[in-house]
Every structure is written in structure tokens, then in C-alpha cells.
């Protein structure tokens, strides 16, 4: 297992470098002048030229990228053109809010979707199965921004149980987490159902039942540990999706997360902030992927034995 983790860590290095390089090249060819953005619209041509020289924007592309990569490895992601603040500090200030929304959304997905899918599989073709799959279809079909506005209308305006937006307490998190997680809960319900049905027909499950083991024990000892493997993988991959996918949720609820900050950076053509957000998100994606592989290794003995 240690060899497998080390191998994944080594392979993640070219992935991160490739993502940063592609993003840097794309931003380099944007029809926008970073020096003008930094100096402001009223700056003179001489001032803009001086700033371009000081920022090294006259250097070749590969020199600029190597300089950026060297600084990034030392934790320096540059300064925001718009707010004149360190990019890393801005990201770290917003990340706790995004992390709250990620954890809340994933909790809603798993707490609702997985039990519904497992019970639907165990009671296949029953009224519970049909009702669960209908609700899953409705959940998949609802756009997050529409669901968020609907929840705000009913539970913040008509019946003012929760705040209309912003942050500050646990009550502020409930509606954004529900909005971010209900659509995913529908996917988890469908995946948990299909995965559980597949495991229920496996030979080792039939053998366990033929030996006379109680059905409840068969479910908890043999079915769930194997049926949950693809669900755990999907939960890990939800983390990067939430970083970029909750932008609409953050806009609807005025939630000050990384996604909302990235949209503002794109509107303002704040190149250091755009680059910093992409690099930070890439690191988050790779880290979550490695952590999920480690969890899978503990749950699935075949992975542990494969890399001994």
C-alpha cells in the first residue's frame, strides 16, 4: 500500500505541472493587458510600460512560466490586480466557507441518497423502490439555482425559518447545503441501488446465505463493504466538483466561497487570482483523489495485497 501511495504522489506532480502550464498559456494569450489592469484605466502609456517591465511581462513565455512556478512552489501565488492582496491569503480566507459547503453538500448526498438506494435494492420492485427512483429522477432533473431559489422562497420568505443568505451561523448553511446536495443525492440513490443489486447476485453473497447466515448479517458484513466502494470513489470526486460546481449556489445565497471569488476574478480579468484559484483547485483535486485511494485500500483488501 505504501508503494501505491508513493506512486500516486509521484504521478501527481506532472499532472499539477500540466494543469498550471495549460492555464498559464491560455491566460497569456487572453486579449487583455495585465499591466493596464494593474495600473488602472487612467494610467499613462509610460506608466503601463514601466509596470510591464517591472512585472516581467516583456520576457518570453517560458521565462514567465518558470518564474511563476518557482514562486508557487514557495507558496507565492502573486498579488491580486484588483484588490492588491496576496492571492494565497485571499484563497485561504475563502476556503473555509467553501469547505463548509462541500462537507454539508456531501453529507446531504450521502445521508439521503445512499440509504434510499440500498433500501430500494433490497426491496427491489416494491413501492419503496419505485418511489425512491421517481424522487431520484426529480432530483437529477432540478437545476441547482432553481432549487435554491425555491428553497429561499418557501423557507426564508414565506416561512422565515432560515436566513435569506450570507454566513454567520449553522442556520445559514442548511439551505445552501441542501441545494448543493439534493441533486447529488439522486445520483447516489441510483448508484447505490445498482451497486447493491450487483453485489447481491455475487457468488460469495449466495454462499453466505446458503450457509444460513441471517440476512441482516449478510447485508452488513458482505454486501455493504463491497457496494460502497464506487460510492466512496464518487464522494471523493465530488470534492473538486463542489469547488467549481457550487458557483451558482454561492451566488444565490451570497456565500463567500472560492467559486464566487473565481467568477469575480474572471469578470475583472484578475490574472493572478485566476491562476491561483486554478492551481489551488488542482491541488485539492489531486489530494482528495489520493485520500480516497487510501480509504479504498483499507476497505478493499485486494488493493492492499496488490501493492505489497
Protein backbone atom coordinates (compact mmCIF):
# COMPACT_ATOMS: atom_id res chain seq x y z
CA UNK A 1 0.00 0.00 0.00
CA UNK A 2 2.85 2.40 0.80
CA UNK A 3 4.31 1.81 -2.67
CA UNK A 4 0.95 2.57 -4.23
CA UNK A 5 0.59 5.85 -2.31
CA UNK A 6 4.15 6.87 -3.20
CA UNK A 7 3.48 6.09 -6.85
CA UNK A 8 0.33 8.21 -6.82
CA UNK A 9 2.21 11.09 -5.23
CA UNK A 10 4.92 10.95 -7.89
CA UNK A 11 2.38 10.77 -10.72
CA UNK A 12 0.51 13.77 -9.34
CA UNK A 13 3.50 16.06 -9.93
CA UNK A 14 3.32 16.10 -13.77
CA UNK A 15 -0.48 16.40 -13.55
CA UNK A 16 -0.24 19.57 -11.47
CA UNK A 17 2.52 21.00 -13.68
CA UNK A 18 0.48 20.24 -16.81
CA UNK A 19 -2.65 21.93 -15.45
CA UNK A 20 -0.72 25.02 -14.39
CA UNK A 21 1.09 25.19 -17.76
CA UNK A 22 -2.09 24.90 -19.83
CA UNK A 23 -3.85 27.52 -17.71
CA UNK A 24 -0.84 29.86 -17.89
CA UNK A 25 -0.62 29.58 -21.67
CA UNK A 26 -4.35 30.21 -22.12
CA UNK A 27 -4.24 33.27 -19.87
CA UNK A 28 -1.08 34.51 -21.61
CA UNK A 29 -2.97 34.75 -24.91
CA UNK A 30 -6.01 36.50 -23.43
CA UNK A 31 -6.80 39.81 -25.21
CA UNK A 32 -6.08 41.75 -22.01
CA UNK A 33 -3.06 43.68 -20.76
CA UNK A 34 -2.18 42.70 -17.15
CA UNK A 35 -0.08 45.85 -16.77
CA UNK A 36 -3.05 48.04 -17.76
CA UNK A 37 -5.29 46.11 -15.37
CA UNK A 38 -2.76 46.65 -12.59
CA UNK A 39 -2.14 50.32 -13.33
CA UNK A 40 -5.76 51.26 -13.84
CA UNK A 41 -7.64 52.74 -16.81
CA UNK A 42 -6.33 56.28 -16.25
CA UNK A 43 -2.61 55.41 -16.15
CA UNK A 44 -0.34 56.87 -18.83
CA UNK A 45 1.35 54.79 -21.54
CA UNK A 46 4.74 55.36 -19.87
CA UNK A 47 3.42 54.09 -16.52
CA UNK A 48 1.96 50.98 -18.14
CA UNK A 49 5.25 50.30 -19.97
CA UNK A 50 7.20 50.67 -16.73
CA UNK A 51 4.86 48.29 -14.93
CA UNK A 52 5.15 45.75 -17.75
CA UNK A 53 8.92 45.82 -17.34
CA UNK A 54 8.76 45.55 -13.55
CA UNK A 55 6.34 42.61 -13.73
CA UNK A 56 8.48 40.83 -16.29
CA UNK A 57 5.71 40.74 -18.88
CA UNK A 58 8.18 41.51 -21.66
CA UNK A 59 10.04 38.25 -21.01
CA UNK A 60 9.41 35.15 -23.14
CA UNK A 61 6.51 32.90 -22.15
CA UNK A 62 8.67 30.08 -20.81
CA UNK A 63 10.62 32.50 -18.60
CA UNK A 64 7.41 33.92 -17.14
CA UNK A 65 6.02 30.44 -16.50
CA UNK A 66 9.21 29.18 -14.86
CA UNK A 67 9.26 32.26 -12.64
CA UNK A 68 5.61 31.72 -11.67
CA UNK A 69 6.18 28.02 -10.99
CA UNK A 70 9.21 28.75 -8.79
CA UNK A 71 7.25 31.27 -6.74
CA UNK A 72 4.23 28.96 -6.49
CA UNK A 73 6.42 26.17 -5.08
CA UNK A 74 7.41 28.61 -2.33
CA UNK A 75 3.77 29.48 -1.60
CA UNK A 76 3.74 32.76 -3.52
CA UNK A 77 0.79 32.91 -5.94
CA UNK A 78 1.20 36.61 -6.63
CA UNK A 79 -0.93 39.64 -5.81
CA UNK A 80 -4.46 40.35 -6.94
CA UNK A 81 -4.57 43.16 -9.51
CA UNK A 82 -7.99 44.25 -8.34
CA UNK A 83 -7.69 44.12 -4.52
CA UNK A 84 -3.90 44.41 -4.15
CA UNK A 85 -3.80 41.46 -1.73
CA UNK A 86 -1.78 38.21 -1.73
CA UNK A 87 -3.69 35.64 -3.78
CA UNK A 88 -2.90 32.77 -1.41
CA UNK A 89 -4.24 34.73 1.54
CA UNK A 90 -7.44 35.54 -0.37
CA UNK A 91 -7.94 31.87 -1.24
CA UNK A 92 -7.26 30.71 2.32
CA UNK A 93 -9.72 33.31 3.63
CA UNK A 94 -12.47 31.99 1.33
CA UNK A 95 -11.63 28.29 1.53
CA UNK A 96 -13.23 27.62 4.96
CA UNK A 97 -16.59 28.74 3.57
CA UNK A 98 -16.22 26.52 0.51
CA UNK A 99 -15.14 23.65 2.76
CA UNK A 100 -18.26 24.09 4.89
CA UNK A 101 -20.42 23.92 1.77
CA UNK A 102 -18.52 20.88 0.46
CA UNK A 103 -18.90 18.97 3.72
CA UNK A 104 -22.55 19.98 4.07
CA UNK A 105 -23.39 19.07 0.47
CA UNK A 106 -21.64 15.69 0.61
CA UNK A 107 -23.32 14.92 3.95
CA UNK A 108 -26.73 15.63 2.40
CA UNK A 109 -25.88 13.48 -0.63
CA UNK A 110 -24.75 10.50 1.39
CA UNK A 111 -27.29 10.77 4.22
CA UNK A 112 -30.22 10.82 1.79
CA UNK A 113 -29.04 9.09 -1.39
CA UNK A 114 -27.19 6.04 -0.05
CA UNK A 115 -29.90 4.73 2.33
CA UNK A 116 -32.60 5.28 -0.30
CA UNK A 117 -30.56 3.39 -2.93
CA UNK A 118 -29.68 0.48 -0.63
CA UNK A 119 -33.25 0.03 0.62
CA UNK A 120 -34.53 0.24 -2.98
CA UNK A 121 -32.14 -2.55 -3.98
CA UNK A 122 -33.03 -4.76 -1.02
CA UNK A 123 -36.75 -4.23 -1.69
CA UNK A 124 -36.48 -4.37 -5.46
CA UNK A 125 -39.71 -3.66 -7.40
CA UNK A 126 -41.56 -2.68 -4.22
CA UNK A 127 -43.41 0.61 -3.76
CA UNK A 128 -40.35 1.93 -1.90
CA UNK A 129 -38.14 1.11 -4.88
CA UNK A 130 -40.46 2.84 -7.34
CA UNK A 131 -40.96 5.89 -5.13
CA UNK A 132 -37.22 6.20 -4.49
CA UNK A 133 -36.35 6.08 -8.18
CA UNK A 134 -39.05 8.63 -9.06
CA UNK A 135 -37.68 11.01 -6.44
CA UNK A 136 -34.17 10.35 -7.76
CA UNK A 137 -35.30 11.28 -11.27
CA UNK A 138 -36.82 14.51 -9.96
CA UNK A 139 -33.63 15.31 -8.05
CA UNK A 140 -31.44 14.80 -11.11
CA UNK A 141 -33.74 17.00 -13.22
CA UNK A 142 -33.77 20.03 -10.89
CA UNK A 143 -31.21 22.78 -11.69
CA UNK A 144 -29.38 23.84 -8.50
CA UNK A 145 -30.09 27.57 -8.95
CA UNK A 146 -33.83 26.88 -9.38
CA UNK A 147 -33.88 24.63 -6.34
CA UNK A 148 -32.00 27.25 -4.32
CA UNK A 149 -34.45 30.00 -5.26
CA UNK A 150 -37.35 27.67 -4.46
CA UNK A 151 -35.97 26.85 -1.02
CA UNK A 152 -35.31 30.54 -0.35
CA UNK A 153 -38.84 31.45 -1.37
CA UNK A 154 -40.56 28.90 0.85
CA UNK A 155 -38.22 28.64 3.86
CA UNK A 156 -36.77 32.16 4.04
CA UNK A 157 -39.56 34.34 2.64
CA UNK A 158 -42.94 32.60 3.02
CA UNK A 159 -41.99 30.76 6.21
CA UNK A 160 -38.91 32.63 7.54
CA UNK A 161 -37.18 29.69 9.21
CA UNK A 162 -33.75 30.24 7.67
CA UNK A 163 -31.81 33.42 6.71
CA UNK A 164 -32.09 34.76 3.18
CA UNK A 165 -28.33 34.47 2.61
CA UNK A 166 -24.87 35.20 3.90
CA UNK A 167 -22.96 33.40 6.63
CA UNK A 168 -22.58 33.54 10.39
CA UNK A 169 -24.34 30.53 11.88
CA UNK A 170 -25.25 26.91 11.21
CA UNK A 171 -28.70 28.03 10.07
CA UNK A 172 -27.08 29.93 7.19
CA UNK A 173 -25.52 26.67 5.94
CA UNK A 174 -28.63 24.46 5.85
CA UNK A 175 -30.31 25.76 2.70
CA UNK A 176 -27.07 26.06 0.64
CA UNK A 177 -26.07 22.53 1.70
CA UNK A 178 -29.49 21.16 0.75
CA UNK A 179 -29.32 22.95 -2.60
CA UNK A 180 -25.84 21.62 -3.32
CA UNK A 181 -26.58 18.10 -2.09
CA UNK A 182 -30.10 17.15 -3.14
CA UNK A 183 -29.22 16.78 -6.83
CA UNK A 184 -26.23 14.62 -5.92
CA UNK A 185 -28.37 12.57 -3.54
CA UNK A 186 -30.41 11.47 -6.55
CA UNK A 187 -27.26 10.24 -8.31
CA UNK A 188 -26.11 8.43 -5.17
CA UNK A 189 -29.50 6.75 -4.81
CA UNK A 190 -29.28 5.37 -8.35
CA UNK A 191 -25.64 4.33 -7.95
CA UNK A 192 -26.20 2.73 -4.54
CA UNK A 193 -29.15 0.77 -5.91
CA UNK A 194 -27.29 -0.59 -8.94
CA UNK A 195 -24.13 -1.34 -6.93
CA UNK A 196 -26.07 -3.14 -4.20
CA UNK A 197 -28.06 -5.18 -6.75
CA UNK A 198 -24.81 -6.25 -8.41
CA UNK A 199 -23.27 -7.37 -5.11
CA UNK A 200 -26.46 -9.19 -4.04
CA UNK A 201 -26.09 -11.51 -7.05
CA UNK A 202 -22.40 -12.27 -6.37
CA UNK A 203 -21.34 -15.84 -5.60
CA UNK A 204 -19.95 -15.09 -2.14
CA UNK A 205 -23.25 -13.48 -1.10
CA UNK A 206 -25.22 -16.50 -2.30
CA UNK A 207 -22.78 -18.77 -0.49
CA UNK A 208 -23.14 -16.80 2.75
CA UNK A 209 -26.91 -17.01 2.55
CA UNK A 210 -26.76 -20.73 1.71
CA UNK A 211 -24.72 -21.31 4.89
CA UNK A 212 -27.62 -19.93 6.89
CA UNK A 213 -26.26 -16.52 7.87
CA UNK A 214 -29.03 -14.08 8.83
CA UNK A 215 -29.92 -11.71 6.02
CA UNK A 216 -29.09 -8.68 8.14
CA UNK A 217 -25.60 -10.03 8.83
CA UNK A 218 -25.08 -10.80 5.14
CA UNK A 219 -26.01 -7.23 4.26
CA UNK A 220 -23.71 -5.56 6.80
CA UNK A 221 -20.77 -7.97 6.56
CA UNK A 222 -20.65 -8.86 2.86
CA UNK A 223 -22.86 -6.56 0.79
CA UNK A 224 -22.31 -3.05 2.14
CA UNK A 225 -18.44 -3.08 2.29
CA UNK A 226 -18.31 -4.05 -1.40
CA UNK A 227 -21.28 -2.00 -2.60
CA UNK A 228 -19.90 1.18 -1.02
CA UNK A 229 -16.59 1.13 -2.95
CA UNK A 230 -17.84 3.00 -6.06
CA UNK A 231 -19.82 5.35 -3.81
CA UNK A 232 -16.69 6.28 -1.86
CA UNK A 233 -14.86 6.94 -5.13
CA UNK A 234 -17.70 9.15 -6.33
CA UNK A 235 -17.76 11.01 -3.00
CA UNK A 236 -14.05 11.78 -3.37
CA UNK A 237 -14.53 13.08 -6.88
CA UNK A 238 -17.39 15.26 -5.66
CA UNK A 239 -14.90 17.48 -3.82
CA UNK A 240 -13.44 19.05 -6.98
CA UNK A 241 -16.92 19.24 -8.49
CA UNK A 242 -18.16 21.17 -5.50
CA UNK A 243 -15.28 23.65 -5.73
CA UNK A 244 -16.38 24.69 -9.21
CA UNK A 245 -19.95 23.42 -9.30
CA UNK A 246 -21.31 25.36 -6.36
CA UNK A 247 -20.69 28.73 -8.03
CA UNK A 248 -24.41 29.15 -8.70
CA UNK A 249 -25.26 28.09 -5.16
CA UNK A 250 -22.81 30.63 -3.77
CA UNK A 251 -24.32 33.34 -5.97
CA UNK A 252 -27.90 32.53 -4.95
CA UNK A 253 -27.14 32.51 -1.23
CA UNK A 254 -24.40 35.21 -1.27
CA UNK A 255 -21.99 32.58 0.04
CA UNK A 256 -18.37 33.90 0.05
CA UNK A 257 -16.63 30.81 -1.30
CA UNK A 258 -13.81 30.18 -3.76
CA UNK A 259 -16.16 29.61 -6.68
CA UNK A 260 -17.78 33.01 -6.29
CA UNK A 261 -14.34 34.60 -5.96
CA UNK A 262 -13.20 32.88 -9.17
CA UNK A 263 -16.17 34.29 -11.08
CA UNK A 264 -15.38 37.78 -9.79
CA UNK A 265 -11.72 37.30 -10.82
CA UNK A 266 -12.75 36.31 -14.36
CA UNK A 267 -15.05 39.32 -14.67
CA UNK A 268 -12.26 41.65 -13.52
CA UNK A 269 -9.60 39.76 -15.58
CA UNK A 270 -7.58 39.38 -12.37
CA UNK A 271 -4.98 37.03 -13.83
CA UNK A 272 -3.01 36.16 -10.64
CA UNK A 273 -6.26 35.34 -8.85
CA UNK A 274 -7.50 33.21 -11.75
CA UNK A 275 -4.20 31.29 -11.85
CA UNK A 276 -4.12 30.91 -8.09
CA UNK A 277 -7.67 29.58 -7.96
CA UNK A 278 -6.96 27.03 -10.70
CA UNK A 279 -3.71 25.83 -9.10
CA UNK A 280 -5.29 25.59 -5.64
CA UNK A 281 -8.26 23.67 -7.05
CA UNK A 282 -5.93 21.29 -8.90
CA UNK A 283 -4.00 20.57 -5.70
CA UNK A 284 -7.29 19.97 -3.92
CA UNK A 285 -8.45 17.56 -6.64
CA UNK A 286 -5.23 15.54 -6.58
CA UNK A 287 -5.11 15.44 -2.78
CA UNK A 288 -8.71 14.27 -2.49
CA UNK A 289 -8.09 11.60 -5.13
CA UNK A 290 -5.10 10.22 -3.22
CA UNK A 291 -7.01 10.25 0.08
CA UNK A 292 -9.91 8.36 -1.49
CA UNK A 293 -7.47 5.75 -2.84
CA UNK A 294 -6.09 5.30 0.67
CA UNK A 295 -9.59 4.84 2.10
CA UNK A 296 -10.42 2.34 -0.65
CA UNK A 297 -7.24 0.43 0.19
CA UNK A 298 -8.38 0.00 3.77
CA UNK A 299 -11.88 -1.07 2.70
CA UNK A 300 -10.83 -3.38 -0.13
CA UNK A 301 -8.17 -5.98 0.82
CA UNK A 302 -7.46 -6.67 -2.87
CA UNK A 303 -5.91 -3.20 -3.26
CA UNK A 304 -3.73 -3.66 -0.18
CA UNK A 305 -2.43 -7.06 -1.32
CA UNK A 306 -1.84 -5.84 -4.89
CA UNK A 307 0.76 -3.26 -3.82
CA UNK A 308 2.54 -5.06 -1.02
